[in-house]
Each structure stands twice: as C-alpha cells, then as structure tokens.
Amino acid sequence: MSVFVFCLLVLLLAPTTPFAQSKSYPSDKFKQMDDLLPTPNEQRTASGAPGRGYWQQRADYDIKVELDDSKQRISASETITYHNNSPDPLAYLWVQLESEYLG
C-alpha cells in the first residue's frame, strides 16, 4: 500500500516542481517582450528567422570506396571541398579524421 501512496504523491506533486515549468509559458505574465525575444541584427530577425547578413558554411564530400572481397580489403579516398560563405576570411580550418580498425 505504501508504494501506491508514494506513486500517487509523485504524480500529484510532479507538475509543481521547477523542472515541469515550460519556457513557452514564463512565470512573469507582465515581462516585457524585449526580454523574451532576441534583439534583431543583420544575421537574425527578431523572430529568429535569417536576416540579410545570414550565411552558412558548406562542405561537399566526394567519397570513393573500393571493396575487394577476395582480399578482404576496403580502399577509400575522400575529397572535401569547403566553401567559406562568411564575409570574413578563415585563419584555419579544423578537420578531424577518425579511423577504426576492426581486424
């Protein structure tokens, strides 16, 4: 019986915990809109939509893979073409390569 009472208390008290409060319904009903929405700038409008100065980086991948079943071998090569759409030059580009040998 005590397990049932505990579960009932948890269900009744859960909506009152701070974790159950939603960000879409702020607790201060009279909070100014400037505090809730971001300030518009060149990259984003006030609604969060892309603005005139918005840009995204782009990377194109050309992957060639050869499977040699008789020798149980995989050979591969990859060409990455990076497009800097930023108005600023990049001082460096970080590329992380990972390989896992399963043999």
PDB file of N, CA and C in Angstrom:
ATOM      1  N   MET A   1       0.812  -1.196   0.000  1.00  0.00           N
ATOM      2  CA  MET A   1       0.000   0.000   0.000  1.00  0.00           C
ATOM      3  C   MET A   1       0.859   1.265   0.000  1.00  0.00           C
ATOM      4  N   SER A   2       2.003   1.239   0.674  1.00  0.00           N
ATOM      5  CA  SER A   2       2.847   2.437   0.754  1.00  0.00           C
ATOM      6  C   SER A   2       3.439   2.800  -0.615  1.00  0.00           C
ATOM      7  N   VAL A   3       3.694   1.804  -1.467  1.00  0.00           N
ATOM      8  CA  VAL A   3       4.199   2.078  -2.806  1.00  0.00           C
ATOM      9  C   VAL A   3       3.133   2.820  -3.613  1.00  0.00           C
ATOM     10  N   PHE A   4       1.894   2.428  -3.455  1.00  0.00           N
ATOM     11  CA  PHE A   4       0.800   3.087  -4.149  1.00  0.00           C
ATOM     12  C   PHE A   4       0.677   4.546  -3.709  1.00  0.00           C
ATOM     13  N   VAL A   5       0.782   4.799  -2.426  1.00  0.00           N
ATOM     14  CA  VAL A   5       0.689   6.160  -1.900  1.00  0.00           C
ATOM     15  C   VAL A   5       1.865   6.993  -2.403  1.00  0.00           C
ATOM     16  N   PHE A   6       3.051   6.424  -2.414  1.00  0.00           N
ATOM     17  CA  PHE A   6       4.236   7.132  -2.918  1.00  0.00           C
ATOM     18  C   PHE A   6       4.051   7.514  -4.380  1.00  0.00           C
ATOM     19  N   CYS A   7       3.611   6.586  -5.214  1.00  0.00           N
ATOM     20  CA  CYS A   7       3.389   6.866  -6.642  1.00  0.00           C
ATOM     21  C   CYS A   7       2.326   7.934  -6.830  1.00  0.00           C
ATOM     22  N   LEU A   8       1.288   7.898  -6.030  1.00  0.00           N
ATOM     23  CA  LEU A   8       0.229   8.886  -6.126  1.00  0.00           C
ATOM     24  C   LEU A   8       0.759  10.276  -5.766  1.00  0.00           C
ATOM     25  N   LEU A   9       1.580  10.365  -4.721  1.00  0.00           N
ATOM     26  CA  LEU A   9       2.173  11.644  -4.335  1.00  0.00           C
ATOM     27  C   LEU A   9       3.105  12.188  -5.418  1.00  0.00           C
ATOM     28  N   VAL A  10       3.888  11.308  -6.027  1.00  0.00           N
ATOM     29  CA  VAL A  10       4.800  11.734  -7.089  1.00  0.00           C
ATOM     30  C   VAL A  10       4.010  12.300  -8.263  1.00  0.00           C
ATOM     31  N   LEU A  11       2.940  11.644  -8.641  1.00  0.00           N
ATOM     32  CA  LEU A  11       2.121  12.115  -9.761  1.00  0.00           C
ATOM     33  C   LEU A  11       1.427  13.436  -9.447  1.00  0.00           C
ATOM     34  N   LEU A  12       1.015  13.621  -8.204  1.00  0.00           N
ATOM     35  CA  LEU A  12       0.323  14.848  -7.832  1.00  0.00           C
ATOM     36  C   LEU A  12       1.271  16.027  -7.681  1.00  0.00           C
ATOM     37  N   LEU A  13       2.489  15.772  -7.227  1.00  0.00           N
ATOM     38  CA  LEU A  13       3.432  16.854  -6.965  1.00  0.00           C
ATOM     39  C   LEU A  13       4.351  17.160  -8.144  1.00  0.00           C
ATOM     40  N   ALA A  14       4.429  16.297  -9.132  1.00  0.00           N
ATOM     41  CA  ALA A  14       5.354  16.481 -10.257  1.00  0.00           C
ATOM     42  C   ALA A  14       5.131  17.791 -11.018  1.00  0.00           C
ATOM     43  N   PRO A  15       3.898  18.204 -11.328  1.00  0.00           N
ATOM     44  CA  PRO A  15       3.726  19.449 -12.082  1.00  0.00           C
ATOM     45  C   PRO A  15       4.158  20.704 -11.323  1.00  0.00           C
ATOM     46  N   THR A  16       4.316  20.628  -9.999  1.00  0.00           N
ATOM     47  CA  THR A  16       4.694  21.814  -9.231  1.00  0.00           C
ATOM     48  C   THR A  16       6.201  21.964  -9.099  1.00  0.00           C
ATOM     49  N   THR A  17       6.971  21.016  -9.571  1.00  0.00           N
ATOM     50  CA  THR A  17       8.423  21.112  -9.456  1.00  0.00           C
ATOM     51  C   THR A  17       8.965  22.100 -10.481  1.00  0.00           C
ATOM     52  N   PRO A  18      10.158  22.682 -10.231  1.00  0.00           N
ATOM     53  CA  PRO A  18      10.730  23.636 -11.196  1.00  0.00           C
ATOM     54  C   PRO A  18      11.011  23.002 -12.552  1.00  0.00           C
ATOM     55  N   PHE A  19      11.235  21.692 -12.587  1.00  0.00           N
ATOM     56  CA  PHE A  19      11.542  21.020 -13.848  1.00  0.00           C
ATOM     57  C   PHE A  19      10.330  20.948 -14.762  1.00  0.00           C
ATOM     58  N   ALA A  20       9.145  21.044 -14.200  1.00  0.00           N
ATOM     59  CA  ALA A  20       7.929  20.914 -15.004  1.00  0.00           C
ATOM     60  C   ALA A  20       7.514  22.225 -15.645  1.00  0.00           C
ATOM     61  N   GLN A  21       8.157  23.349 -15.281  1.00  0.00           N
ATOM     62  CA  GLN A  21       7.784  24.628 -15.861  1.00  0.00           C
ATOM     63  C   GLN A  21       8.284  24.713 -17.296  1.00  0.00           C
ATOM     64  N   SER A  22       7.438  25.155 -18.169  1.00  0.00           N
ATOM     65  CA  SER A  22       7.771  25.264 -19.583  1.00  0.00           C
ATOM     66  C   SER A  22       8.316  26.647 -19.884  1.00  0.00           C
ATOM     67  N   LYS A  23       9.281  26.734 -20.784  1.00  0.00           N
ATOM     68  CA  LYS A  23       9.826  28.029 -21.184  1.00  0.00           C
ATOM     69  C   LYS A  23       8.839  28.788 -22.065  1.00  0.00           C
ATOM     70  N   SER A  24       7.894  28.088 -22.675  1.00  0.00           N
ATOM     71  CA  SER A  24       6.939  28.772 -23.544  1.00  0.00           C
ATOM     72  C   SER A  24       5.891  29.535 -22.731  1.00  0.00           C
ATOM     73  N   TYR A  25       5.763  29.235 -21.451  1.00  0.00           N
ATOM     74  CA  TYR A  25       4.838  29.933 -20.562  1.00  0.00           C
ATOM     75  C   TYR A  25       5.632  30.506 -19.394  1.00  0.00           C
ATOM     76  N   PRO A  26       6.208  31.702 -19.572  1.00  0.00           N
ATOM     77  CA  PRO A  26       7.019  32.269 -18.498  1.00  0.00           C
ATOM     78  C   PRO A  26       6.181  32.552 -17.260  1.00  0.00           C
ATOM     79  N   SER A  27       6.807  32.510 -16.100  1.00  0.00           N
ATOM     80  CA  SER A  27       6.076  32.709 -14.854  1.00  0.00           C
ATOM     81  C   SER A  27       5.654  34.170 -14.670  1.00  0.00           C
ATOM     82  N   ASP A  28       6.406  35.119 -15.219  1.00  0.00           N
ATOM     83  CA  ASP A  28       6.066  36.536 -15.113  1.00  0.00           C
ATOM     84  C   ASP A  28       5.217  36.928 -16.324  1.00  0.00           C
ATOM     85  N   LYS A  29       3.923  37.056 -16.114  1.00  0.00           N
ATOM     86  CA  LYS A  29       2.994  37.336 -17.217  1.00  0.00           C
ATOM     87  C   LYS A  29       3.163  38.742 -17.789  1.00  0.00           C
ATOM     88  N   PHE A  30       3.786  39.651 -17.035  1.00  0.00           N
ATOM     89  CA  PHE A  30       3.914  41.029 -17.471  1.00  0.00           C
ATOM     90  C   PHE A  30       5.340  41.368 -17.881  1.00  0.00           C
ATOM     91  N   LYS A  31       6.126  40.364 -18.170  1.00  0.00           N
ATOM     92  CA  LYS A  31       7.510  40.579 -18.600  1.00  0.00           C
ATOM     93  C   LYS A  31       7.513  41.252 -19.973  1.00  0.00           C
ATOM     94  N   GLN A  32       8.426  42.172 -20.181  1.00  0.00           N
ATOM     95  CA  GLN A  32       8.494  42.911 -21.438  1.00  0.00           C
ATOM     96  C   GLN A  32       8.948  42.002 -22.584  1.00  0.00           C
ATOM     97  N   MET A  33       8.446  42.243 -23.775  1.00  0.00           N
ATOM     98  CA  MET A  33       8.785  41.424 -24.936  1.00  0.00           C
ATOM     99  C   MET A  33      10.276  41.503 -25.266  1.00  0.00           C
ATOM    100  N   ASP A  34      10.915  42.652 -24.970  1.00  0.00           N
ATOM    101  CA  ASP A  34      12.347  42.791 -25.245  1.00  0.00           C
ATOM    102  C   ASP A  34      13.173  41.765 -24.476  1.00  0.00           C
ATOM    103  N   ASP A  35      12.680  41.356 -23.312  1.00  0.00           N
ATOM    104  CA  ASP A  35      13.396  40.368 -22.504  1.00  0.00           C
ATOM    105  C   ASP A  35      13.169  38.949 -23.013  1.00  0.00           C
ATOM    106  N   LEU A  36      12.076  38.725 -23.727  1.00  0.00           N
ATOM    107  CA  LEU A  36      11.728  37.380 -24.184  1.00  0.00           C
ATOM    108  C   LEU A  36      12.281  37.066 -25.568  1.00  0.00           C
ATOM    109  N   LEU A  37      12.314  38.055 -26.446  1.00  0.00           N
ATOM    110  CA  LEU A  37      12.748  37.839 -27.823  1.00  0.00           C
ATOM    111  C   LEU A  37      14.130  38.445 -28.044  1.00  0.00           C
ATOM    112  N   PRO A  38      14.930  37.838 -28.908  1.00  0.00           N
ATOM    113  CA  PRO A  38      16.256  38.398 -29.156  1.00  0.00           C
ATOM    114  C   PRO A  38      16.167  39.722 -29.911  1.00  0.00           C
ATOM    115  N   THR A  39      17.172  40.547 -29.719  1.00  0.00           N
ATOM    116  CA  THR A  39      17.250  41.809 -30.445  1.00  0.00           C
ATOM    117  C   THR A  39      17.598  41.520 -31.900  1.00  0.00           C
ATOM    118  N   PRO A  40      16.856  42.076 -32.862  1.00  0.00           N
ATOM    119  CA  PRO A  40      17.185  41.805 -34.264  1.00  0.00           C
ATOM    120  C   PRO A  40      18.534  42.418 -34.641  1.00  0.00           C
ATOM    121  N   ASN A  41      19.248  41.744 -35.545  1.00  0.00           N
ATOM    122  CA  ASN A  41      20.522  42.258 -36.055  1.00  0.00           C
ATOM    123  C   ASN A  41      20.642  41.849 -37.520  1.00  0.00           C
ATOM    124  N   GLU A  42      21.803  42.009 -38.122  1.00  0.00           N
ATOM    125  CA  GLU A  42      21.996  41.682 -39.545  1.00  0.00           C
ATOM    126  C   GLU A  42      21.820  40.193 -39.825  1.00  0.00           C
ATOM    127  N   GLN A  43      22.173  39.340 -38.860  1.00  0.00           N
ATOM    128  CA  GLN A  43      22.123  37.898 -39.089  1.00  0.00           C
ATOM    129  C   GLN A  43      20.744  37.304 -38.794  1.00  0.00           C
ATOM    130  N   ARG A  44      20.037  37.838 -37.800  1.00  0.00           N
ATOM    131  CA  ARG A  44      18.740  37.283 -37.401  1.00  0.00           C
ATOM    132  C   ARG A  44      17.707  38.377 -37.203  1.00  0.00           C
ATOM    133  N   THR A  45      16.473  38.085 -37.599  1.00  0.00           N
ATOM    134  CA  THR A  45      15.373  38.991 -37.310  1.00  0.00           C
ATOM    135  C   THR A  45      14.922  38.741 -35.874  1.00  0.00           C
ATOM    136  N   ALA A  46      13.986  39.534 -35.378  1.00  0.00           N
ATOM    137  CA  ALA A  46      13.512  39.377 -34.006  1.00  0.00           C
ATOM    138  C   ALA A  46      12.822  38.034 -33.795  1.00  0.00           C
ATOM    139  N   SER A  47      12.252  37.474 -34.849  1.00  0.00           N
ATOM    140  CA  SER A  47      11.595  36.173 -34.718  1.00  0.00           C
ATOM    141  C   SER A  47      12.584  35.018 -34.750  1.00  0.00           C
ATOM    142  N   GLY A  48      13.844  35.306 -35.081  1.00  0.00           N
ATOM    143  CA  GLY A  48      14.848  34.252 -35.182  1.00  0.00           C
ATOM    144  C   GLY A  48      15.084  33.782 -36.600  1.00  0.00           C
ATOM    145  N   ALA A  49      14.313  34.291 -37.537  1.00  0.00           N
ATOM    146  CA  ALA A  49      14.489  33.918 -38.951  1.00  0.00           C
ATOM    147  C   ALA A  49      15.780  34.540 -39.493  1.00  0.00           C
ATOM    148  N   PRO A  50      16.368  33.942 -40.517  1.00  0.00           N
ATOM    149  CA  PRO A  50      17.600  34.517 -41.089  1.00  0.00           C
ATOM    150  C   PRO A  50      17.375  35.931 -41.616  1.00  0.00           C
ATOM    151  N   GLY A  51      18.355  36.797 -41.349  1.00  0.00           N
ATOM    152  CA  GLY A  51      18.309  38.174 -41.833  1.00  0.00           C
ATOM    153  C   GLY A  51      19.155  38.337 -43.085  1.00  0.00           C
ATOM    154  N   ARG A  52      19.374  39.595 -43.500  1.00  0.00           N
ATOM    155  CA  ARG A  52      20.131  39.872 -44.729  1.00  0.00           C
ATOM    156  C   ARG A  52      21.580  39.409 -44.642  1.00  0.00           C
ATOM    157  N   GLY A  53      22.182  39.507 -43.453  1.00  0.00           N
ATOM    158  CA  GLY A  53      23.586  39.152 -43.301  1.00  0.00           C
ATOM    159  C   GLY A  53      23.816  37.716 -42.880  1.00  0.00           C
ATOM    160  N   TYR A  54      22.785  36.874 -42.987  1.00  0.00           N
ATOM    161  CA  TYR A  54      22.909  35.480 -42.571  1.00  0.00           C
ATOM    162  C   TYR A  54      23.644  34.674 -43.628  1.00  0.00           C
ATOM    163  N   TRP A  55      24.524  33.792 -43.200  1.00  0.00           N
ATOM    164  CA  TRP A  55      25.255  32.925 -44.121  1.00  0.00           C
ATOM    165  C   TRP A  55      25.507  31.592 -43.441  1.00  0.00           C
ATOM    166  N   GLN A  56      25.751  30.564 -44.217  1.00  0.00           N
ATOM    167  CA  GLN A  56      26.099  29.239 -43.708  1.00  0.00           C
ATOM    168  C   GLN A  56      27.321  28.733 -44.441  1.00  0.00           C
ATOM    169  N   GLN A  57      28.152  28.010 -43.720  1.00  0.00           N
ATOM    170  CA  GLN A  57      29.285  27.356 -44.355  1.00  0.00           C
ATOM    171  C   GLN A  57      28.772  26.120 -45.093  1.00  0.00           C
ATOM    172  N   ARG A  58      29.587  25.638 -46.034  1.00  0.00           N
ATOM    173  CA  ARG A  58      29.173  24.471 -46.812  1.00  0.00           C
ATOM    174  C   ARG A  58      30.387  23.586 -47.063  1.00  0.00           C
ATOM    175  N   ALA A  59      30.173  22.300 -46.988  1.00  0.00           N
ATOM    176  CA  ALA A  59      31.229  21.336 -47.298  1.00  0.00           C
ATOM    177  C   ALA A  59      30.639  20.269 -48.214  1.00  0.00           C
ATOM    178  N   ASP A  60      31.326  20.014 -49.327  1.00  0.00           N
ATOM    179  CA  ASP A  60      30.918  18.958 -50.256  1.00  0.00           C
ATOM    180  C   ASP A  60      31.897  17.800 -50.111  1.00  0.00           C
ATOM    181  N   TYR A  61      31.361  16.602 -50.052  1.00  0.00           N
ATOM    182  CA  TYR A  61      32.178  15.406 -49.872  1.00  0.00           C
ATOM    183  C   TYR A  61      32.077  14.521 -51.111  1.00  0.00           C
ATOM    184  N   ASP A  62      33.219  14.121 -51.643  1.00  0.00           N
ATOM    185  CA  ASP A  62      33.272  13.164 -52.743  1.00  0.00           C
ATOM    186  C   ASP A  62      34.029  11.951 -52.215  1.00  0.00           C
ATOM    187  N   ILE A  63      33.291  10.869 -51.945  1.00  0.00           N
ATOM    188  CA  ILE A  63      33.877   9.680 -51.319  1.00  0.00           C
ATOM    189  C   ILE A  63      33.890   8.545 -52.332  1.00  0.00           C
ATOM    190  N   LYS A  64      35.060   7.953 -52.509  1.00  0.00           N
ATOM    191  CA  LYS A  64      35.208   6.796 -53.401  1.00  0.00           C
ATOM    192  C   LYS A  64      35.665   5.611 -52.557  1.00  0.00           C
ATOM    193  N   VAL A  65      34.940   4.503 -52.659  1.00  0.00           N
ATOM    194  CA  VAL A  65      35.240   3.315 -51.862  1.00  0.00           C
ATOM    195  C   VAL A  65      35.334   2.119 -52.784  1.00  0.00           C
ATOM    196  N   GLU A  66      36.339   1.280 -52.550  1.00  0.00           N
ATOM    197  CA  GLU A  66      36.511   0.045 -53.321  1.00  0.00           C
ATOM    198  C   GLU A  66      36.554  -1.124 -52.343  1.00  0.00           C
ATOM    199  N   LEU A  67      35.681  -2.085 -52.570  1.00  0.00           N
ATOM    200  CA  LEU A  67      35.644  -3.287 -51.743  1.00  0.00           C
ATOM    201  C   LEU A  67      36.266  -4.440 -52.521  1.00  0.00           C
ATOM    202  N   ASP A  68      37.282  -5.044 -51.950  1.00  0.00           N
ATOM    203  CA  ASP A  68      37.924  -6.212 -52.560  1.00  0.00           C
ATOM    204  C   ASP A  68      37.595  -7.401 -51.676  1.00  0.00           C
ATOM    205  N   ASP A  69      36.544  -8.130 -52.052  1.00  0.00           N
ATOM    206  CA  ASP A  69      36.052  -9.239 -51.225  1.00  0.00           C
ATOM    207  C   ASP A  69      37.050 -10.394 -51.173  1.00  0.00           C
ATOM    208  N   SER A  70      37.750 -10.636 -52.279  1.00  0.00           N
ATOM    209  CA  SER A  70      38.691 -11.765 -52.297  1.00  0.00           C
ATOM    210  C   SER A  70      39.869 -11.543 -51.343  1.00  0.00           C
ATOM    211  N   LYS A  71      40.315 -10.287 -51.194  1.00  0.00           N
ATOM    212  CA  LYS A  71      41.431  -9.980 -50.294  1.00  0.00           C
ATOM    213  C   LYS A  71      40.950  -9.442 -48.944  1.00  0.00           C
ATOM    214  N   GLN A  72      39.619  -9.355 -48.776  1.00  0.00           N
ATOM    215  CA  GLN A  72      39.036  -8.817 -47.551  1.00  0.00           C
ATOM    216  C   GLN A  72      39.623  -7.433 -47.241  1.00  0.00           C
ATOM    217  N   ARG A  73      39.562  -6.538 -48.236  1.00  0.00           N
ATOM    218  CA  ARG A  73      40.181  -5.225 -48.113  1.00  0.00           C
ATOM    219  C   ARG A  73      39.200  -4.146 -48.560  1.00  0.00           C
ATOM    220  N   ILE A  74      39.273  -3.034 -47.869  1.00  0.00           N
ATOM    221  CA  ILE A  74      38.497  -1.847 -48.238  1.00  0.00           C
ATOM    222  C   ILE A  74      39.485  -0.724 -48.506  1.00  0.00           C
ATOM    223  N   SER A  75      39.377  -0.092 -49.661  1.00  0.00           N
ATOM    224  CA  SER A  75      40.199   1.068 -50.000  1.00  0.00           C
ATOM    225  C   SER A  75      39.256   2.242 -50.222  1.00  0.00           C
ATOM    226  N   ALA A  76      39.672   3.402 -49.743  1.00  0.00           N
ATOM    227  CA  ALA A  76      38.799   4.562 -49.885  1.00  0.00           C
ATOM    228  C   ALA A  76      39.618   5.832 -49.990  1.00  0.00           C
ATOM    229  N   SER A  77      39.024   6.807 -50.653  1.00  0.00           N
ATOM    230  CA  SER A  77      39.597   8.152 -50.702  1.00  0.00           C
ATOM    231  C   SER A  77      38.446   9.139 -50.626  1.00  0.00           C
ATOM    232  N   GLU A  78      38.769  10.338 -50.150  1.00  0.00           N
ATOM    233  CA  GLU A  78      37.731  11.348 -49.991  1.00  0.00           C
ATOM    234  C   GLU A  78      38.308  12.714 -50.333  1.00  0.00           C
ATOM    235  N   THR A  79      37.507  13.495 -51.025  1.00  0.00           N
ATOM    236  CA  THR A  79      37.862  14.871 -51.315  1.00  0.00           C
ATOM    237  C   THR A  79      36.814  15.755 -50.668  1.00  0.00           C
ATOM    238  N   ILE A  80      37.263  16.678 -49.825  1.00  0.00           N
ATOM    239  CA  ILE A  80      36.360  17.615 -49.164  1.00  0.00           C
ATOM    240  C   ILE A  80      36.581  18.996 -49.785  1.00  0.00           C
ATOM    241  N   THR A  81      35.511  19.568 -50.309  1.00  0.00           N
ATOM    242  CA  THR A  81      35.569  20.928 -50.844  1.00  0.00           C
ATOM    243  C   THR A  81      34.802  21.820 -49.881  1.00  0.00           C
ATOM    244  N   TYR A  82      35.514  22.734 -49.243  1.00  0.00           N
ATOM    245  CA  TYR A  82      34.917  23.606 -48.238  1.00  0.00           C
ATOM    246  C   TYR A  82      34.645  24.976 -48.851  1.00  0.00           C
ATOM    247  N   HIS A  83      33.439  25.464 -48.677  1.00  0.00           N
ATOM    248  CA  HIS A  83      33.029  26.762 -49.215  1.00  0.00           C
ATOM    249  C   HIS A  83      32.850  27.729 -48.049  1.00  0.00           C
ATOM    250  N   ASN A  84      33.716  28.728 -47.974  1.00  0.00           N
ATOM    251  CA  ASN A  84      33.613  29.743 -46.930  1.00  0.00           C
ATOM    252  C   ASN A  84      32.664  30.834 -47.410  1.00  0.00           C
ATOM    253  N   ASN A  85      31.441  30.805 -46.925  1.00  0.00           N
ATOM    254  CA  ASN A  85      30.446  31.810 -47.303  1.00  0.00           C
ATOM    255  C   ASN A  85      30.438  32.997 -46.348  1.00  0.00           C
ATOM    256  N   SER A  86      31.312  32.976 -45.373  1.00  0.00           N
ATOM    257  CA  SER A  86      31.409  34.060 -44.409  1.00  0.00           C
ATOM    258  C   SER A  86      32.020  35.294 -45.073  1.00  0.00           C
ATOM    259  N   PRO A  87      31.634  36.474 -44.630  1.00  0.00           N
ATOM    260  CA  PRO A  87      32.294  37.670 -45.149  1.00  0.00           C
ATOM    261  C   PRO A  87      33.725  37.816 -44.622  1.00  0.00           C
ATOM    262  N   ASP A  88      34.095  37.025 -43.623  1.00  0.00           N
ATOM    263  CA  ASP A  88      35.432  37.087 -43.038  1.00  0.00           C
ATOM    264  C   ASP A  88      36.274  35.914 -43.524  1.00  0.00           C
ATOM    265  N   PRO A  89      37.580  36.128 -43.732  1.00  0.00           N
ATOM    266  CA  PRO A  89      38.446  35.008 -44.111  1.00  0.00           C
ATOM    267  C   PRO A  89      38.671  34.084 -42.921  1.00  0.00           C
ATOM    268  N   LEU A  90      38.909  32.818 -43.215  1.00  0.00           N
ATOM    269  CA  LEU A  90      39.209  31.848 -42.166  1.00  0.00           C
ATOM    270  C   LEU A  90      40.714  31.770 -41.972  1.00  0.00           C
ATOM    271  N   ALA A  91      41.166  31.861 -40.735  1.00  0.00           N
ATOM    272  CA  ALA A  91      42.597  31.744 -40.445  1.00  0.00           C
ATOM    273  C   ALA A  91      43.036  30.288 -40.551  1.00  0.00           C
ATOM    274  N   TYR A  92      42.159  29.368 -40.216  1.00  0.00           N
ATOM    275  CA  TYR A  92      42.467  27.939 -40.311  1.00  0.00           C
ATOM    276  C   TYR A  92      41.159  27.164 -40.402  1.00  0.00           C
ATOM    277  N   LEU A  93      41.261  25.924 -40.780  1.00  0.00           N
ATOM    278  CA  LEU A  93      40.104  25.034 -40.866  1.00  0.00           C
ATOM    279  C   LEU A  93      40.445  23.763 -40.106  1.00  0.00           C
ATOM    280  N   TRP A  94      39.631  23.401 -39.155  1.00  0.00           N
ATOM    281  CA  TRP A  94      39.852  22.218 -38.332  1.00  0.00           C
ATOM    282  C   TRP A  94      39.132  21.038 -38.973  1.00  0.00           C
ATOM    283  N   VAL A  95      39.886  19.990 -39.289  1.00  0.00           N
ATOM    284  CA  VAL A  95      39.322  18.763 -39.858  1.00  0.00           C
ATOM    285  C   VAL A  95      39.750  17.612 -38.959  1.00  0.00           C
ATOM    286  N   GLN A  96      38.803  16.840 -38.505  1.00  0.00           N
ATOM    287  CA  GLN A  96      39.103  15.705 -37.640  1.00  0.00           C
ATOM    288  C   GLN A  96      38.823  14.423 -38.410  1.00  0.00           C
ATOM    289  N   LEU A  97      39.847  13.603 -38.553  1.00  0.00           N
ATOM    290  CA  LEU A  97      39.722  12.325 -39.253  1.00  0.00           C
ATOM    291  C   LEU A  97      39.733  11.205 -38.218  1.00  0.00           C
ATOM    292  N   GLU A  98      38.834  10.274 -38.385  1.00  0.00           N
ATOM    293  CA  GLU A  98      38.776   9.149 -37.473  1.00  0.00           C
ATOM    294  C   GLU A  98      38.798   7.862 -38.272  1.00  0.00           C
ATOM    295  N   SER A  99      39.483   6.887 -37.736  1.00  0.00           N
ATOM    296  CA  SER A  99      39.566   5.592 -38.380  1.00  0.00           C
ATOM    297  C   SER A  99      39.456   4.519 -37.300  1.00  0.00           C
ATOM    298  N   GLU A 100      38.775   3.468 -37.614  1.00  0.00           N
ATOM    299  CA  GLU A 100      38.647   2.389 -36.659  1.00  0.00           C
ATOM    300  C   GLU A 100      38.992   1.078 -37.372  1.00  0.00           C
ATOM    301  N   TYR A 101      39.974   0.398 -36.848  1.00  0.00           N
ATOM    302  CA  TYR A 101      40.388  -0.863 -37.418  1.00  0.00           C
ATOM    303  C   TYR A 101      39.617  -1.983 -36.732  1.00  0.00           C
ATOM    304  N   LEU A 102      38.904  -2.750 -37.509  1.00  0.00           N
ATOM    305  CA  LEU A 102      38.054  -3.806 -36.948  1.00  0.00           C
ATOM    306  C   LEU A 102      38.671  -5.199 -37.139  1.00  0.00           C
ATOM    307  N   GLY A 103      39.953  -5.288 -37.461  1.00  0.00           N
ATOM    308  CA  GLY A 103      40.562  -6.559 -37.787  1.00  0.00           C
ATOM    309  C   GLY A 103      41.071  -7.334 -36.676  1.00  0.00           C
TER     310      GLY A 103
END
